[in-house]
Amino acid sequence: MSEQQQWTYTSEDGTYAVDRFTDEGKYAFVLILQIDKEIQEVRKTLAKLEMAAKGFNGTVLQQLTDDMLVDEEDNVGLGESIPDNSNEAATTEE
């Protein structure tokens, strides 16, 4: 006899059998599972992007030379400056 996975939902009030939910409740539960999976994927993507940005900042930093420095007077009229965030720690919630 094969065992069927019994899903449960836990709240502050207790643990509930999902197979006893209304159809609307079951649908909402499935959506919660899908959303949780998507959140995990977004967190992975964010971590990858933060690592890439840190790497690109490192590449830019390695090629800087003193002759590239801009005097304050020369800075007038230049485009927006992007700060070096390579020393910021990546933060992710798990």
C-alpha atoms as a PDB file:
ATOM      1  CA  MET A   1       0.000   0.000   0.000  1.00  0.00           C
ATOM      2  CA  SER A   2       1.526   3.320  -1.040  1.00  0.00           C
ATOM      3  CA  GLU A   3       1.292   6.237   1.335  1.00  0.00           C
ATOM      4  CA  GLN A   4      -0.087   9.459  -0.027  1.00  0.00           C
ATOM      5  CA  GLN A   5       1.602  12.640   1.174  1.00  0.00           C
ATOM      6  CA  GLN A   6      -0.632  14.399   3.667  1.00  0.00           C
ATOM      7  CA  TRP A   7      -0.164  18.148   3.468  1.00  0.00           C
ATOM      8  CA  THR A   8      -0.676  20.181   6.618  1.00  0.00           C
ATOM      9  CA  TYR A   9      -0.965  23.877   7.296  1.00  0.00           C
ATOM     10  CA  THR A  10       0.360  25.213  10.596  1.00  0.00           C
ATOM     11  CA  SER A  11      -0.808  28.444  12.189  1.00  0.00           C
ATOM     12  CA  GLU A  12      -0.603  29.853  15.702  1.00  0.00           C
ATOM     13  CA  ASP A  13      -3.758  27.920  16.569  1.00  0.00           C
ATOM     14  CA  GLY A  14      -2.578  24.479  15.461  1.00  0.00           C
ATOM     15  CA  THR A  15      -1.886  22.182  12.517  1.00  0.00           C
ATOM     16  CA  TYR A  16      -4.629  21.563   9.964  1.00  0.00           C
ATOM     17  CA  ALA A  17      -5.152  18.847   7.338  1.00  0.00           C
ATOM     18  CA  VAL A  18      -5.195  20.486   3.905  1.00  0.00           C
ATOM     19  CA  ASP A  19      -7.306  17.680   2.432  1.00  0.00           C
ATOM     20  CA  ARG A  20     -10.131  18.884   4.711  1.00  0.00           C
ATOM     21  CA  PHE A  21      -9.969  22.467   3.431  1.00  0.00           C
ATOM     22  CA  THR A  22     -12.702  23.914   1.254  1.00  0.00           C
ATOM     23  CA  ASP A  23     -11.935  24.080  -2.472  1.00  0.00           C
ATOM     24  CA  GLU A  24     -11.115  27.751  -2.090  1.00  0.00           C
ATOM     25  CA  GLY A  25      -8.801  26.999   0.837  1.00  0.00           C
ATOM     26  CA  LYS A  26      -7.040  24.228  -1.125  1.00  0.00           C
ATOM     27  CA  TYR A  27      -6.541  26.589  -4.060  1.00  0.00           C
ATOM     28  CA  ALA A  28      -5.125  29.279  -1.772  1.00  0.00           C
ATOM     29  CA  PHE A  29      -2.793  26.712  -0.184  1.00  0.00           C
ATOM     30  CA  VAL A  30      -1.455  25.671  -3.599  1.00  0.00           C
ATOM     31  CA  LEU A  31      -0.865  29.335  -4.423  1.00  0.00           C
ATOM     32  CA  ILE A  32       1.063  29.772  -1.157  1.00  0.00           C
ATOM     33  CA  LEU A  33       3.325  26.861  -2.156  1.00  0.00           C
ATOM     34  CA  GLN A  34       3.887  28.353  -5.614  1.00  0.00           C
ATOM     35  CA  ILE A  35       4.595  31.811  -4.194  1.00  0.00           C
ATOM     36  CA  ASP A  36       7.086  30.394  -1.683  1.00  0.00           C
ATOM     37  CA  LYS A  37       8.904  28.643  -4.538  1.00  0.00           C
ATOM     38  CA  GLU A  38       8.985  31.860  -6.577  1.00  0.00           C
ATOM     39  CA  ILE A  39      10.320  33.812  -3.584  1.00  0.00           C
ATOM     40  CA  GLN A  40      13.192  31.332  -3.239  1.00  0.00           C
ATOM     41  CA  GLU A  41      14.004  31.721  -6.954  1.00  0.00           C
ATOM     42  CA  VAL A  42      13.953  35.523  -6.670  1.00  0.00           C
ATOM     43  CA  ARG A  43      16.312  35.331  -3.678  1.00  0.00           C
ATOM     44  CA  LYS A  44      18.705  33.177  -5.712  1.00  0.00           C
ATOM     45  CA  THR A  45      18.540  35.646  -8.605  1.00  0.00           C
ATOM     46  CA  LEU A  46      19.172  38.568  -6.244  1.00  0.00           C
ATOM     47  CA  ALA A  47      22.210  36.808  -4.772  1.00  0.00           C
ATOM     48  CA  LYS A  48      23.577  36.195  -8.276  1.00  0.00           C
ATOM     49  CA  LEU A  49      23.038  39.828  -9.278  1.00  0.00           C
ATOM     50  CA  GLU A  50      24.698  41.102  -6.094  1.00  0.00           C
ATOM     51  CA  MET A  51      27.694  38.852  -6.747  1.00  0.00           C
ATOM     52  CA  ALA A  52      27.877  40.046 -10.363  1.00  0.00           C
ATOM     53  CA  ALA A  53      27.724  43.712  -9.315  1.00  0.00           C
ATOM     54  CA  LYS A  54      30.495  43.123  -6.790  1.00  0.00           C
ATOM     55  CA  GLY A  55      32.610  41.460  -9.483  1.00  0.00           C
ATOM     56  CA  PHE A  56      32.035  44.274 -11.959  1.00  0.00           C
ATOM     57  CA  ASN A  57      32.934  46.843  -9.308  1.00  0.00           C
ATOM     58  CA  GLY A  58      36.141  44.903  -8.678  1.00  0.00           C
ATOM     59  CA  THR A  59      36.967  44.981 -12.389  1.00  0.00           C
ATOM     60  CA  VAL A  60      36.422  48.734 -12.527  1.00  0.00           C
ATOM     61  CA  LEU A  61      38.492  49.289  -9.372  1.00  0.00           C
ATOM     62  CA  GLN A  62      41.420  47.271 -10.745  1.00  0.00           C
ATOM     63  CA  GLN A  63      41.736  49.430 -13.845  1.00  0.00           C
ATOM     64  CA  LEU A  64      41.592  52.823 -12.116  1.00  0.00           C
ATOM     65  CA  THR A  65      44.635  55.069 -12.348  1.00  0.00           C
ATOM     66  CA  ASP A  66      45.493  58.478 -10.909  1.00  0.00           C
ATOM     67  CA  ASP A  67      45.227  60.113 -14.341  1.00  0.00           C
ATOM     68  CA  MET A  68      41.535  59.146 -14.388  1.00  0.00           C
ATOM     69  CA  LEU A  69      40.782  61.230 -11.279  1.00  0.00           C
ATOM     70  CA  VAL A  70      38.482  64.197 -11.789  1.00  0.00           C
ATOM     71  CA  ASP A  71      39.015  67.510 -10.033  1.00  0.00           C
ATOM     72  CA  GLU A  72      35.971  69.038  -8.362  1.00  0.00           C
ATOM     73  CA  GLU A  73      35.967  71.833 -10.984  1.00  0.00           C
ATOM     74  CA  ASP A  74      36.004  69.246 -13.771  1.00  0.00           C
ATOM     75  CA  ASN A  75      33.126  67.345 -12.166  1.00  0.00           C
ATOM     76  CA  VAL A  76      30.567  70.060 -13.023  1.00  0.00           C
ATOM     77  CA  GLY A  77      28.342  68.915 -15.871  1.00  0.00           C
ATOM     78  CA  LEU A  78      29.388  65.274 -15.778  1.00  0.00           C
ATOM     79  CA  GLY A  79      26.766  62.549 -15.621  1.00  0.00           C
ATOM     80  CA  GLU A  80      25.612  60.712 -12.529  1.00  0.00           C
ATOM     81  CA  SER A  81      28.282  58.970 -10.479  1.00  0.00           C
ATOM     82  CA  ILE A  82      27.800  55.356  -9.403  1.00  0.00           C
ATOM     83  CA  PRO A  83      29.213  54.693  -5.915  1.00  0.00           C
ATOM     84  CA  ASP A  84      31.570  51.793  -5.286  1.00  0.00           C
ATOM     85  CA  ASN A  85      29.465  49.342  -3.262  1.00  0.00           C
ATOM     86  CA  SER A  86      31.933  46.491  -3.507  1.00  0.00           C
ATOM     87  CA  ASN A  87      32.588  46.515   0.243  1.00  0.00           C
ATOM     88  CA  GLU A  88      28.930  46.163   1.183  1.00  0.00           C
ATOM     89  CA  ALA A  89      27.982  42.746   2.456  1.00  0.00           C
ATOM     90  CA  ALA A  90      25.288  40.966   0.493  1.00  0.00           C
ATOM     91  CA  THR A  91      22.208  40.455   2.624  1.00  0.00           C
ATOM     92  CA  THR A  92      19.693  37.724   2.053  1.00  0.00           C
ATOM     93  CA  GLU A  93      16.907  36.505   4.251  1.00  0.00           C
ATOM     94  CA  GLU A  94      16.415  32.810   4.610  1.00  0.00           C
END
